[in-house]
Amino acid sequence: MSSQTALYSQIGMRIRELRQKNELSQTRLAEIVGLKRTSITNIEKGRQKILVHTLWDLAEALSVKVKDLLPAEALETPSLDTGDMPKDASGKEREWLRAVIKGGGEYANKKKAG
């Protein structure tokens, strides 16, 4: 299993655990985040990649921060204050990436306000 496959499998397992803890069906979670039930099934099984905004919406629907959906190892690897950011990322993009990975920041406040 590749590290990318393992990452999506771990995220999917975490989403399933939290969905069940929140007593949500796959259908209901899909409705909340604007996906089809089959997408939730595929995400939970690690077969479907997740866009950042979808990950954010899933976290919000499950009442957790984005970082709570990520495996601990994923949070430890990149140091976003060093050169580990994409080389072509602008200052605003770097700021946004830091906020998303930390599970809050300006993006969360703007989304709630908007």
PDB file of N, CA and C in Angstrom:
ATOM      1  N   MET A   1       0.859  -1.184   0.000  1.00  0.00           N
ATOM      2  CA  MET A   1       0.000   0.000   0.000  1.00  0.00           C
ATOM      3  C   MET A   1       0.897   1.237   0.000  1.00  0.00           C
ATOM      4  N   SER A   2       0.637   2.139  -0.933  1.00  0.00           N
ATOM      5  CA  SER A   2       1.445   3.360  -0.998  1.00  0.00           C
ATOM      6  C   SER A   2       1.111   4.265   0.183  1.00  0.00           C
ATOM      7  N   SER A   3       2.009   5.199   0.458  1.00  0.00           N
ATOM      8  CA  SER A   3       1.768   6.112   1.576  1.00  0.00           C
ATOM      9  C   SER A   3       0.552   6.988   1.308  1.00  0.00           C
ATOM     10  N   GLN A   4       0.312   7.331   0.032  1.00  0.00           N
ATOM     11  CA  GLN A   4      -0.865   8.133  -0.312  1.00  0.00           C
ATOM     12  C   GLN A   4      -2.151   7.326  -0.065  1.00  0.00           C
ATOM     13  N   THR A   5      -2.153   6.062  -0.460  1.00  0.00           N
ATOM     14  CA  THR A   5      -3.307   5.199  -0.232  1.00  0.00           C
ATOM     15  C   THR A   5      -3.556   5.039   1.259  1.00  0.00           C
ATOM     16  N   ALA A   6      -2.489   4.844   2.011  1.00  0.00           N
ATOM     17  CA  ALA A   6      -2.617   4.699   3.466  1.00  0.00           C
ATOM     18  C   ALA A   6      -3.176   5.976   4.085  1.00  0.00           C
ATOM     19  N   LEU A   7      -2.738   7.136   3.603  1.00  0.00           N
ATOM     20  CA  LEU A   7      -3.230   8.405   4.126  1.00  0.00           C
ATOM     21  C   LEU A   7      -4.738   8.514   3.933  1.00  0.00           C
ATOM     22  N   TYR A   8      -5.216   8.264   2.712  1.00  0.00           N
ATOM     23  CA  TYR A   8      -6.649   8.380   2.444  1.00  0.00           C
ATOM     24  C   TYR A   8      -7.450   7.322   3.201  1.00  0.00           C
ATOM     25  N   SER A   9      -6.877   6.144   3.399  1.00  0.00           N
ATOM     26  CA  SER A   9      -7.554   5.109   4.186  1.00  0.00           C
ATOM     27  C   SER A   9      -7.712   5.544   5.639  1.00  0.00           C
ATOM     28  N   GLN A  10      -6.660   6.142   6.196  1.00  0.00           N
ATOM     29  CA  GLN A  10      -6.716   6.598   7.586  1.00  0.00           C
ATOM     30  C   GLN A  10      -7.701   7.754   7.751  1.00  0.00           C
ATOM     31  N   ILE A  11      -7.712   8.677   6.800  1.00  0.00           N
ATOM     32  CA  ILE A  11      -8.670   9.786   6.855  1.00  0.00           C
ATOM     33  C   ILE A  11     -10.086   9.227   6.767  1.00  0.00           C
ATOM     34  N   GLY A  12     -10.293   8.293   5.851  1.00  0.00           N
ATOM     35  CA  GLY A  12     -11.613   7.681   5.686  1.00  0.00           C
ATOM     36  C   GLY A  12     -12.094   6.978   6.942  1.00  0.00           C
ATOM     37  N   MET A  13     -11.193   6.246   7.591  1.00  0.00           N
ATOM     38  CA  MET A  13     -11.570   5.557   8.840  1.00  0.00           C
ATOM     39  C   MET A  13     -11.973   6.566   9.908  1.00  0.00           C
ATOM     40  N   ARG A  14     -11.238   7.660   9.973  1.00  0.00           N
ATOM     41  CA  ARG A  14     -11.539   8.701  10.976  1.00  0.00           C
ATOM     42  C   ARG A  14     -12.897   9.344  10.686  1.00  0.00           C
ATOM     43  N   ILE A  15     -13.179   9.613   9.424  1.00  0.00           N
ATOM     44  CA  ILE A  15     -14.472  10.188   9.049  1.00  0.00           C
ATOM     45  C   ILE A  15     -15.599   9.226   9.417  1.00  0.00           C
ATOM     46  N   ARG A  16     -15.427   7.951   9.117  1.00  0.00           N
ATOM     47  CA  ARG A  16     -16.454   6.953   9.459  1.00  0.00           C
ATOM     48  C   ARG A  16     -16.682   6.894  10.975  1.00  0.00           C
ATOM     49  N   GLU A  17     -15.595   6.865  11.742  1.00  0.00           N
ATOM     50  CA  GLU A  17     -15.720   6.831  13.210  1.00  0.00           C
ATOM     51  C   GLU A  17     -16.519   8.026  13.725  1.00  0.00           C
ATOM     52  N   LEU A  18     -16.159   9.211  13.232  1.00  0.00           N
ATOM     53  CA  LEU A  18     -16.836  10.427  13.692  1.00  0.00           C
ATOM     54  C   LEU A  18     -18.278  10.501  13.202  1.00  0.00           C
ATOM     55  N   ARG A  19     -18.521  10.022  11.984  1.00  0.00           N
ATOM     56  CA  ARG A  19     -19.894  10.004  11.464  1.00  0.00           C
ATOM     57  C   ARG A  19     -20.767   9.120  12.335  1.00  0.00           C
ATOM     58  N   GLN A  20     -20.255   7.941  12.674  1.00  0.00           N
ATOM     59  CA  GLN A  20     -21.006   7.018  13.518  1.00  0.00           C
ATOM     60  C   GLN A  20     -21.184   7.579  14.928  1.00  0.00           C
ATOM     61  N   LYS A  21     -20.145   8.199  15.454  1.00  0.00           N
ATOM     62  CA  LYS A  21     -20.230   8.820  16.779  1.00  0.00           C
ATOM     63  C   LYS A  21     -21.306   9.903  16.802  1.00  0.00           C
ATOM     64  N   ASN A  22     -21.431  10.646  15.698  1.00  0.00           N
ATOM     65  CA  ASN A  22     -22.436  11.698  15.583  1.00  0.00           C
ATOM     66  C   ASN A  22     -23.796  11.165  15.136  1.00  0.00           C
ATOM     67  N   GLU A  23     -23.890   9.844  15.008  1.00  0.00           N
ATOM     68  CA  GLU A  23     -25.134   9.169  14.620  1.00  0.00           C
ATOM     69  C   GLU A  23     -25.698   9.704  13.302  1.00  0.00           C
ATOM     70  N   LEU A  24     -24.788   9.879  12.343  1.00  0.00           N
ATOM     71  CA  LEU A  24     -25.184  10.325  11.008  1.00  0.00           C
ATOM     72  C   LEU A  24     -25.080   9.156  10.040  1.00  0.00           C
ATOM     73  N   SER A  25     -26.046   9.020   9.167  1.00  0.00           N
ATOM     74  CA  SER A  25     -25.939   8.030   8.099  1.00  0.00           C
ATOM     75  C   SER A  25     -25.030   8.607   7.013  1.00  0.00           C
ATOM     76  N   GLN A  26     -24.548   7.750   6.146  1.00  0.00           N
ATOM     77  CA  GLN A  26     -23.754   8.237   5.021  1.00  0.00           C
ATOM     78  C   GLN A  26     -24.597   9.179   4.158  1.00  0.00           C
ATOM     79  N   THR A  27     -25.855   8.845   4.000  1.00  0.00           N
ATOM     80  CA  THR A  27     -26.755   9.676   3.197  1.00  0.00           C
ATOM     81  C   THR A  27     -26.888  11.067   3.798  1.00  0.00           C
ATOM     82  N   ARG A  28     -27.084  11.149   5.113  1.00  0.00           N
ATOM     83  CA  ARG A  28     -27.263  12.445   5.767  1.00  0.00           C
ATOM     84  C   ARG A  28     -25.981  13.279   5.700  1.00  0.00           C
ATOM     85  N   LEU A  29     -24.828  12.651   5.943  1.00  0.00           N
ATOM     86  CA  LEU A  29     -23.562  13.374   5.861  1.00  0.00           C
ATOM     87  C   LEU A  29     -23.353  13.893   4.438  1.00  0.00           C
ATOM     88  N   ALA A  30     -23.675  13.073   3.456  1.00  0.00           N
ATOM     89  CA  ALA A  30     -23.544  13.485   2.066  1.00  0.00           C
ATOM     90  C   ALA A  30     -24.419  14.707   1.773  1.00  0.00           C
ATOM     91  N   GLU A  31     -25.630  14.706   2.287  1.00  0.00           N
ATOM     92  CA  GLU A  31     -26.531  15.849   2.088  1.00  0.00           C
ATOM     93  C   GLU A  31     -25.953  17.120   2.704  1.00  0.00           C
ATOM     94  N   ILE A  32     -25.399  16.993   3.897  1.00  0.00           N
ATOM     95  CA  ILE A  32     -24.860  18.157   4.609  1.00  0.00           C
ATOM     96  C   ILE A  32     -23.702  18.793   3.836  1.00  0.00           C
ATOM     97  N   VAL A  33     -22.830  17.962   3.271  1.00  0.00           N
ATOM     98  CA  VAL A  33     -21.638  18.493   2.608  1.00  0.00           C
ATOM     99  C   VAL A  33     -21.785  18.614   1.090  1.00  0.00           C
ATOM    100  N   GLY A  34     -22.943  18.251   0.569  1.00  0.00           N
ATOM    101  CA  GLY A  34     -23.182  18.408  -0.860  1.00  0.00           C
ATOM    102  C   GLY A  34     -22.529  17.357  -1.741  1.00  0.00           C
ATOM    103  N   LEU A  35     -22.451  16.134  -1.233  1.00  0.00           N
ATOM    104  CA  LEU A  35     -21.908  15.019  -2.013  1.00  0.00           C
ATOM    105  C   LEU A  35     -22.981  13.948  -2.184  1.00  0.00           C
ATOM    106  N   LYS A  36     -22.666  12.935  -2.948  1.00  0.00           N
ATOM    107  CA  LYS A  36     -23.546  11.771  -3.069  1.00  0.00           C
ATOM    108  C   LYS A  36     -23.121  10.747  -2.014  1.00  0.00           C
ATOM    109  N   ARG A  37     -24.056   9.892  -1.619  1.00  0.00           N
ATOM    110  CA  ARG A  37     -23.756   8.872  -0.613  1.00  0.00           C
ATOM    111  C   ARG A  37     -22.590   7.994  -1.064  1.00  0.00           C
ATOM    112  N   THR A  38     -22.537   7.677  -2.359  1.00  0.00           N
ATOM    113  CA  THR A  38     -21.451   6.829  -2.850  1.00  0.00           C
ATOM    114  C   THR A  38     -20.084   7.499  -2.669  1.00  0.00           C
ATOM    115  N   SER A  39     -20.042   8.824  -2.738  1.00  0.00           N
ATOM    116  CA  SER A  39     -18.777   9.529  -2.483  1.00  0.00           C
ATOM    117  C   SER A  39     -18.357   9.354  -1.028  1.00  0.00           C
ATOM    118  N   ILE A  40     -19.312   9.458  -0.098  1.00  0.00           N
ATOM    119  CA  ILE A  40     -18.983   9.254   1.320  1.00  0.00           C
ATOM    120  C   ILE A  40     -18.469   7.829   1.526  1.00  0.00           C
ATOM    121  N   THR A  41     -19.124   6.846   0.906  1.00  0.00           N
ATOM    122  CA  THR A  41     -18.670   5.456   1.004  1.00  0.00           C
ATOM    123  C   THR A  41     -17.235   5.332   0.502  1.00  0.00           C
ATOM    124  N   ASN A  42     -16.966   5.908  -0.661  1.00  0.00           N
ATOM    125  CA  ASN A  42     -15.622   5.816  -1.240  1.00  0.00           C
ATOM    126  C   ASN A  42     -14.581   6.566  -0.413  1.00  0.00           C
ATOM    127  N   ILE A  43     -14.950   7.706   0.143  1.00  0.00           N
ATOM    128  CA  ILE A  43     -14.032   8.451   1.017  1.00  0.00           C
ATOM    129  C   ILE A  43     -13.720   7.621   2.255  1.00  0.00           C
ATOM    130  N   GLU A  44     -14.750   7.058   2.874  1.00  0.00           N
ATOM    131  CA  GLU A  44     -14.543   6.263   4.093  1.00  0.00           C
ATOM    132  C   GLU A  44     -13.679   5.027   3.832  1.00  0.00           C
ATOM    133  N   LYS A  45     -13.720   4.506   2.634  1.00  0.00           N
ATOM    134  CA  LYS A  45     -12.909   3.332   2.297  1.00  0.00           C
ATOM    135  C   LYS A  45     -11.541   3.714   1.742  1.00  0.00           C
ATOM    136  N   GLY A  46     -11.273   5.021   1.647  1.00  0.00           N
ATOM    137  CA  GLY A  46      -9.980   5.487   1.169  1.00  0.00           C
ATOM    138  C   GLY A  46      -9.813   5.396  -0.329  1.00  0.00           C
ATOM    139  N   ARG A  47     -10.908   5.215  -1.060  1.00  0.00           N
ATOM    140  CA  ARG A  47     -10.840   5.059  -2.521  1.00  0.00           C
ATOM    141  C   ARG A  47     -10.997   6.376  -3.264  1.00  0.00           C
ATOM    142  N   GLN A  48     -11.407   7.420  -2.572  1.00  0.00           N
ATOM    143  CA  GLN A  48     -11.635   8.707  -3.234  1.00  0.00           C
ATOM    144  C   GLN A  48     -10.809   9.791  -2.560  1.00  0.00           C
ATOM    145  N   LYS A  49     -10.068  10.541  -3.361  1.00  0.00           N
ATOM    146  CA  LYS A  49      -9.297  11.661  -2.834  1.00  0.00           C
ATOM    147  C   LYS A  49     -10.260  12.772  -2.437  1.00  0.00           C
ATOM    148  N   ILE A  50      -9.820  13.592  -1.495  1.00  0.00           N
ATOM    149  CA  ILE A  50     -10.688  14.634  -0.951  1.00  0.00           C
ATOM    150  C   ILE A  50     -10.066  16.000  -1.231  1.00  0.00           C
ATOM    151  N   LEU A  51     -10.841  16.885  -1.827  1.00  0.00           N
ATOM    152  CA  LEU A  51     -10.391  18.261  -2.017  1.00  0.00           C
ATOM    153  C   LEU A  51     -10.357  18.961  -0.664  1.00  0.00           C
ATOM    154  N   VAL A  52      -9.508  19.935  -0.524  1.00  0.00           N
ATOM    155  CA  VAL A  52      -9.341  20.622   0.757  1.00  0.00           C
ATOM    156  C   VAL A  52     -10.665  21.215   1.241  1.00  0.00           C
ATOM    157  N   HIS A  53     -11.425  21.856   0.364  1.00  0.00           N
ATOM    158  CA  HIS A  53     -12.682  22.453   0.817  1.00  0.00           C
ATOM    159  C   HIS A  53     -13.691  21.382   1.242  1.00  0.00           C
ATOM    160  N   THR A  54     -13.636  20.206   0.633  1.00  0.00           N
ATOM    161  CA  THR A  54     -14.516  19.102   1.042  1.00  0.00           C
ATOM    162  C   THR A  54     -14.086  18.577   2.402  1.00  0.00           C
ATOM    163  N   LEU A  55     -12.792  18.474   2.628  1.00  0.00           N
ATOM    164  CA  LEU A  55     -12.284  18.040   3.932  1.00  0.00           C
ATOM    165  C   LEU A  55     -12.750  19.016   5.008  1.00  0.00           C
ATOM    166  N   TRP A  56     -12.678  20.299   4.677  1.00  0.00           N
ATOM    167  CA  TRP A  56     -13.128  21.338   5.613  1.00  0.00           C
ATOM    168  C   TRP A  56     -14.620  21.165   5.912  1.00  0.00           C
ATOM    169  N   ASP A  57     -15.436  20.976   4.869  1.00  0.00           N
ATOM    170  CA  ASP A  57     -16.880  20.803   5.042  1.00  0.00           C
ATOM    171  C   ASP A  57     -17.196  19.554   5.860  1.00  0.00           C
ATOM    172  N   LEU A  58     -16.459  18.476   5.627  1.00  0.00           N
ATOM    173  CA  LEU A  58     -16.667  17.250   6.405  1.00  0.00           C
ATOM    174  C   LEU A  58     -16.344  17.491   7.871  1.00  0.00           C
ATOM    175  N   ALA A  59     -15.239  18.171   8.135  1.00  0.00           N
ATOM    176  CA  ALA A  59     -14.864  18.470   9.521  1.00  0.00           C
ATOM    177  C   ALA A  59     -15.955  19.296  10.199  1.00  0.00           C
ATOM    178  N   GLU A  60     -16.438  20.309   9.490  1.00  0.00           N
ATOM    179  CA  GLU A  60     -17.489  21.158  10.051  1.00  0.00           C
ATOM    180  C   GLU A  60     -18.761  20.349  10.327  1.00  0.00           C
ATOM    181  N   ALA A  61     -19.143  19.477   9.400  1.00  0.00           N
ATOM    182  CA  ALA A  61     -20.344  18.651   9.564  1.00  0.00           C
ATOM    183  C   ALA A  61     -20.201  17.680  10.731  1.00  0.00           C
ATOM    184  N   LEU A  62     -18.958  17.272  11.003  1.00  0.00           N
ATOM    185  CA  LEU A  62     -18.703  16.311  12.088  1.00  0.00           C
ATOM    186  C   LEU A  62     -18.312  17.011  13.391  1.00  0.00           C
ATOM    187  N   SER A  63     -18.373  18.338  13.393  1.00  0.00           N
ATOM    188  CA  SER A  63     -18.083  19.158  14.578  1.00  0.00           C
ATOM    189  C   SER A  63     -16.668  18.964  15.112  1.00  0.00           C
ATOM    190  N   VAL A  64     -15.709  18.882  14.193  1.00  0.00           N
ATOM    191  CA  VAL A  64     -14.302  18.771  14.578  1.00  0.00           C
ATOM    192  C   VAL A  64     -13.490  19.736  13.725  1.00  0.00           C
ATOM    193  N   LYS A  65     -12.220  19.877  14.057  1.00  0.00           N
ATOM    194  CA  LYS A  65     -11.302  20.671  13.245  1.00  0.00           C
ATOM    195  C   LYS A  65     -10.726  19.777  12.160  1.00  0.00           C
ATOM    196  N   VAL A  66     -10.277  20.375  11.074  1.00  0.00           N
ATOM    197  CA  VAL A  66      -9.690  19.617   9.969  1.00  0.00           C
ATOM    198  C   VAL A  66      -8.572  18.715  10.476  1.00  0.00           C
ATOM    199  N   LYS A  67      -7.742  19.230  11.357  1.00  0.00           N
ATOM    200  CA  LYS A  67      -6.612  18.433  11.846  1.00  0.00           C
ATOM    201  C   LYS A  67      -7.067  17.163  12.551  1.00  0.00           C
ATOM    202  N   ASP A  68      -8.292  17.145  13.062  1.00  0.00           N
ATOM    203  CA  ASP A  68      -8.806  15.952  13.736  1.00  0.00           C
ATOM    204  C   ASP A  68      -9.140  14.832  12.757  1.00  0.00           C
ATOM    205  N   LEU A  69      -9.220  15.149  11.475  1.00  0.00           N
ATOM    206  CA  LEU A  69      -9.488  14.133  10.454  1.00  0.00           C
ATOM    207  C   LEU A  69      -8.195  13.544   9.895  1.00  0.00           C
ATOM    208  N   LEU A  70      -7.077  14.202  10.183  1.00  0.00           N
ATOM    209  CA  LEU A  70      -5.796  13.770   9.633  1.00  0.00           C
ATOM    210  C   LEU A  70      -5.052  12.876  10.613  1.00  0.00           C
ATOM    211  N   PRO A  71      -4.332  11.880  10.099  1.00  0.00           N
ATOM    212  CA  PRO A  71      -3.510  11.047  10.981  1.00  0.00           C
ATOM    213  C   PRO A  71      -2.436  11.889  11.649  1.00  0.00           C
ATOM    214  N   ALA A  72      -2.062  11.542  12.850  1.00  0.00           N
ATOM    215  CA  ALA A  72      -1.061  12.297  13.608  1.00  0.00           C
ATOM    216  C   ALA A  72       0.238  12.447  12.813  1.00  0.00           C
ATOM    217  N   GLU A  73       0.636  11.403  12.085  1.00  0.00           N
ATOM    218  CA  GLU A  73       1.879  11.458  11.320  1.00  0.00           C
ATOM    219  C   GLU A  73       1.811  12.546  10.253  1.00  0.00           C
ATOM    220  N   ALA A  74       0.653  12.744   9.668  1.00  0.00           N
ATOM    221  CA  ALA A  74       0.499  13.759   8.616  1.00  0.00           C
ATOM    222  C   ALA A  74       0.682  15.153   9.191  1.00  0.00           C
ATOM    223  N   LEU A  75       0.304  15.328  10.440  1.00  0.00           N
ATOM    224  CA  LEU A  75       0.436  16.641  11.066  1.00  0.00           C
ATOM    225  C   LEU A  75       1.870  16.935  11.455  1.00  0.00           C
ATOM    226  N   GLU A  76       2.658  15.893  11.682  1.00  0.00           N
ATOM    227  CA  GLU A  76       4.030  16.077  12.127  1.00  0.00           C
ATOM    228  C   GLU A  76       4.999  16.302  10.977  1.00  0.00           C
ATOM    229  N   THR A  77       4.681  15.801   9.788  1.00  0.00           N
ATOM    230  CA  THR A  77       5.653  15.820   8.707  1.00  0.00           C
ATOM    231  C   THR A  77       6.027  17.205   8.204  1.00  0.00           C
ATOM    232  N   PRO A  78       5.113  17.948   7.591  1.00  0.00           N
ATOM    233  CA  PRO A  78       5.575  19.217   7.034  1.00  0.00           C
ATOM    234  C   PRO A  78       5.667  20.308   8.079  1.00  0.00           C
ATOM    235  N   SER A  79       6.697  21.079   8.001  1.00  0.00           N
ATOM    236  CA  SER A  79       6.813  22.261   8.834  1.00  0.00           C
ATOM    237  C   SER A  79       6.479  23.437   7.937  1.00  0.00           C
ATOM    238  N   LEU A  80       5.280  23.952   8.073  1.00  0.00           N
ATOM    239  CA  LEU A  80       4.814  24.972   7.150  1.00  0.00           C
ATOM    240  C   LEU A  80       5.486  26.321   7.364  1.00  0.00           C
ATOM    241  N   ASP A  81       6.298  26.440   8.394  1.00  0.00           N
ATOM    242  CA  ASP A  81       7.019  27.684   8.600  1.00  0.00           C
ATOM    243  C   ASP A  81       8.379  27.652   7.905  1.00  0.00           C
ATOM    244  N   THR A  82       8.727  26.503   7.348  1.00  0.00           N
ATOM    245  CA  THR A  82      10.007  26.399   6.639  1.00  0.00           C
ATOM    246  C   THR A  82       9.744  26.341   5.147  1.00  0.00           C
ATOM    247  N   GLY A  83      10.650  25.757   4.409  1.00  0.00           N
ATOM    248  CA  GLY A  83      10.521  25.690   2.961  1.00  0.00           C
ATOM    249  C   GLY A  83       9.676  24.542   2.461  1.00  0.00           C
ATOM    250  N   ASP A  84       8.863  23.912   3.305  1.00  0.00           N
ATOM    251  CA  ASP A  84       8.076  22.760   2.891  1.00  0.00           C
ATOM    252  C   ASP A  84       6.805  23.121   2.143  1.00  0.00           C
ATOM    253  N   MET A  85       6.530  24.402   1.993  1.00  0.00           N
ATOM    254  CA  MET A  85       5.355  24.847   1.247  1.00  0.00           C
ATOM    255  C   MET A  85       5.619  24.672  -0.241  1.00  0.00           C
ATOM    256  N   PRO A  86       4.556  24.576  -1.025  1.00  0.00           N
ATOM    257  CA  PRO A  86       4.761  24.559  -2.483  1.00  0.00           C
ATOM    258  C   PRO A  86       5.546  25.799  -2.904  1.00  0.00           C
ATOM    259  N   LYS A  87       6.506  25.620  -3.756  1.00  0.00           N
ATOM    260  CA  LYS A  87       7.395  26.713  -4.136  1.00  0.00           C
ATOM    261  C   LYS A  87       6.667  27.846  -4.854  1.00  0.00           C
ATOM    262  N   ASP A  88       5.571  27.529  -5.528  1.00  0.00           N
ATOM    263  CA  ASP A  88       4.858  28.561  -6.274  1.00  0.00           C
ATOM    264  C   ASP A  88       3.704  29.183  -5.480  1.00  0.00           C
ATOM    265  N   ALA A  89       3.580  28.847  -4.193  1.00  0.00           N
ATOM    266  CA  ALA A  89       2.493  29.396  -3.366  1.00  0.00           C
ATOM    267  C   ALA A  89       2.783  30.857  -3.024  1.00  0.00           C
ATOM    268  N   SER A  90       1.758  31.683  -3.180  1.00  0.00           N
ATOM    269  CA  SER A  90       1.890  33.093  -2.822  1.00  0.00           C
ATOM    270  C   SER A  90       1.813  33.238  -1.299  1.00  0.00           C
ATOM    271  N   GLY A  91       2.063  34.429  -0.810  1.00  0.00           N
ATOM    272  CA  GLY A  91       1.975  34.687   0.628  1.00  0.00           C
ATOM    273  C   GLY A  91       0.586  34.385   1.173  1.00  0.00           C
ATOM    274  N   LYS A  92      -0.460  34.807   0.438  1.00  0.00           N
ATOM    275  CA  LYS A  92      -1.834  34.555   0.871  1.00  0.00           C
ATOM    276  C   LYS A  92      -2.141  33.061   0.872  1.00  0.00           C
ATOM    277  N   GLU A  93      -1.648  32.337  -0.147  1.00  0.00           N
ATOM    278  CA  GLU A  93      -1.865  30.892  -0.212  1.00  0.00           C
ATOM    279  C   GLU A  93      -1.168  30.190   0.955  1.00  0.00           C
ATOM    280  N   ARG A  94       0.032  30.639   1.291  1.00  0.00           N
ATOM    281  CA  ARG A  94       0.756  30.055   2.419  1.00  0.00           C
ATOM    282  C   ARG A  94      -0.002  30.295   3.730  1.00  0.00           C
ATOM    283  N   GLU A  95      -0.512  31.497   3.877  1.00  0.00           N
ATOM    284  CA  GLU A  95      -1.299  31.838   5.066  1.00  0.00           C
ATOM    285  C   GLU A  95      -2.547  30.959   5.152  1.00  0.00           C
ATOM    286  N   TRP A  96      -3.218  30.779   4.017  1.00  0.00           N
ATOM    287  CA  TRP A  96      -4.428  29.963   3.966  1.00  0.00           C
ATOM    288  C   TRP A  96      -4.103  28.511   4.298  1.00  0.00           C
ATOM    289  N   LEU A  97      -3.014  27.976   3.726  1.00  0.00           N
ATOM    290  CA  LEU A  97      -2.626  26.595   4.009  1.00  0.00           C
ATOM    291  C   LEU A  97      -2.331  26.390   5.495  1.00  0.00           C
ATOM    292  N   ARG A  98      -1.625  27.338   6.088  1.00  0.00           N
ATOM    293  CA  ARG A  98      -1.341  27.230   7.536  1.00  0.00           C
ATOM    294  C   ARG A  98      -2.635  27.192   8.333  1.00  0.00           C
ATOM    295  N   ALA A  99      -3.584  28.059   7.984  1.00  0.00           N
ATOM    296  CA  ALA A  99      -4.860  28.128   8.703  1.00  0.00           C
ATOM    297  C   ALA A  99      -5.648  26.837   8.552  1.00  0.00           C
ATOM    298  N   VAL A 100      -5.681  26.282   7.348  1.00  0.00           N
ATOM    299  CA  VAL A 100      -6.431  25.045   7.114  1.00  0.00           C
ATOM    300  C   VAL A 100      -5.820  23.899   7.896  1.00  0.00           C
ATOM    301  N   ILE A 101      -4.505  23.780   7.855  1.00  0.00           N
ATOM    302  CA  ILE A 101      -3.855  22.670   8.553  1.00  0.00           C
ATOM    303  C   ILE A 101      -3.987  22.814  10.064  1.00  0.00           C
ATOM    304  N   LYS A 102      -3.963  24.027  10.550  1.00  0.00           N
ATOM    305  CA  LYS A 102      -4.129  24.233  11.991  1.00  0.00           C
ATOM    306  C   LYS A 102      -5.587  24.072  12.408  1.00  0.00           C
ATOM    307  N   GLY A 103      -6.497  24.056  11.440  1.00  0.00           N
ATOM    308  CA  GLY A 103      -7.907  23.823  11.746  1.00  0.00           C
ATOM    309  C   GLY A 103      -8.662  25.071  12.148  1.00  0.00           C
ATOM    310  N   GLY A 104      -8.252  26.187  11.691  1.00  0.00           N
ATOM    311  CA  GLY A 104      -8.963  27.408  12.051  1.00  0.00           C
ATOM    312  C   GLY A 104      -8.378  28.593  11.340  1.00  0.00           C
ATOM    313  N   GLY A 105      -8.293  29.679  12.025  1.00  0.00           N
ATOM    314  CA  GLY A 105      -7.708  30.864  11.442  1.00  0.00           C
ATOM    315  C   GLY A 105      -8.695  31.680  10.651  1.00  0.00           C
ATOM    316  N   GLU A 106      -8.169  32.522   9.789  1.00  0.00           N
ATOM    317  CA  GLU A 106      -8.994  33.438   9.016  1.00  0.00           C
ATOM    318  C   GLU A 106     -10.012  32.725   8.152  1.00  0.00           C
ATOM    319  N   TYR A 107      -9.639  31.589   7.549  1.00  0.00           N
ATOM    320  CA  TYR A 107     -10.555  30.894   6.662  1.00  0.00           C
ATOM    321  C   TYR A 107     -11.815  30.489   7.421  1.00  0.00           C
ATOM    322  N   ALA A 108     -11.661  29.969   8.620  1.00  0.00           N
ATOM    323  CA  ALA A 108     -12.824  29.550   9.410  1.00  0.00           C
ATOM    324  C   ALA A 108     -13.697  30.735   9.740  1.00  0.00           C
ATOM    325  N   ASN A 109     -13.097  31.848  10.139  1.00  0.00           N
ATOM    326  CA  ASN A 109     -13.869  33.030  10.496  1.00  0.00           C
ATOM    327  C   ASN A 109     -14.605  33.602   9.286  1.00  0.00           C
ATOM    328  N   LYS A 110     -13.942  33.648   8.136  1.00  0.00           N
ATOM    329  CA  LYS A 110     -14.577  34.175   6.917  1.00  0.00           C
ATOM    330  C   LYS A 110     -15.725  33.278   6.488  1.00  0.00           C
ATOM    331  N   LYS A 111     -15.538  31.972   6.587  1.00  0.00           N
ATOM    332  CA  LYS A 111     -16.561  31.032   6.158  1.00  0.00           C
ATOM    333  C   LYS A 111     -17.795  31.172   7.037  1.00  0.00           C
ATOM    334  N   LYS A 112     -17.602  31.280   8.348  1.00  0.00           N
ATOM    335  CA  LYS A 112     -18.731  31.407   9.263  1.00  0.00           C
ATOM    336  C   LYS A 112     -19.452  32.741   9.077  1.00  0.00           C
ATOM    337  N   ALA A 113     -18.683  33.786   8.779  1.00  0.00           N
ATOM    338  CA  ALA A 113     -19.278  35.107   8.588  1.00  0.00           C
ATOM    339  C   ALA A 113     -20.000  35.203   7.249  1.00  0.00           C
ATOM    340  N   GLY A 114     -19.493  34.487   6.242  1.00  0.00           N
ATOM    341  CA  GLY A 114     -20.036  34.583   4.886  1.00  0.00           C
ATOM    342  C   GLY A 114     -21.052  33.601   4.646  1.00  0.00           C
TER     343      GLY A 114
END
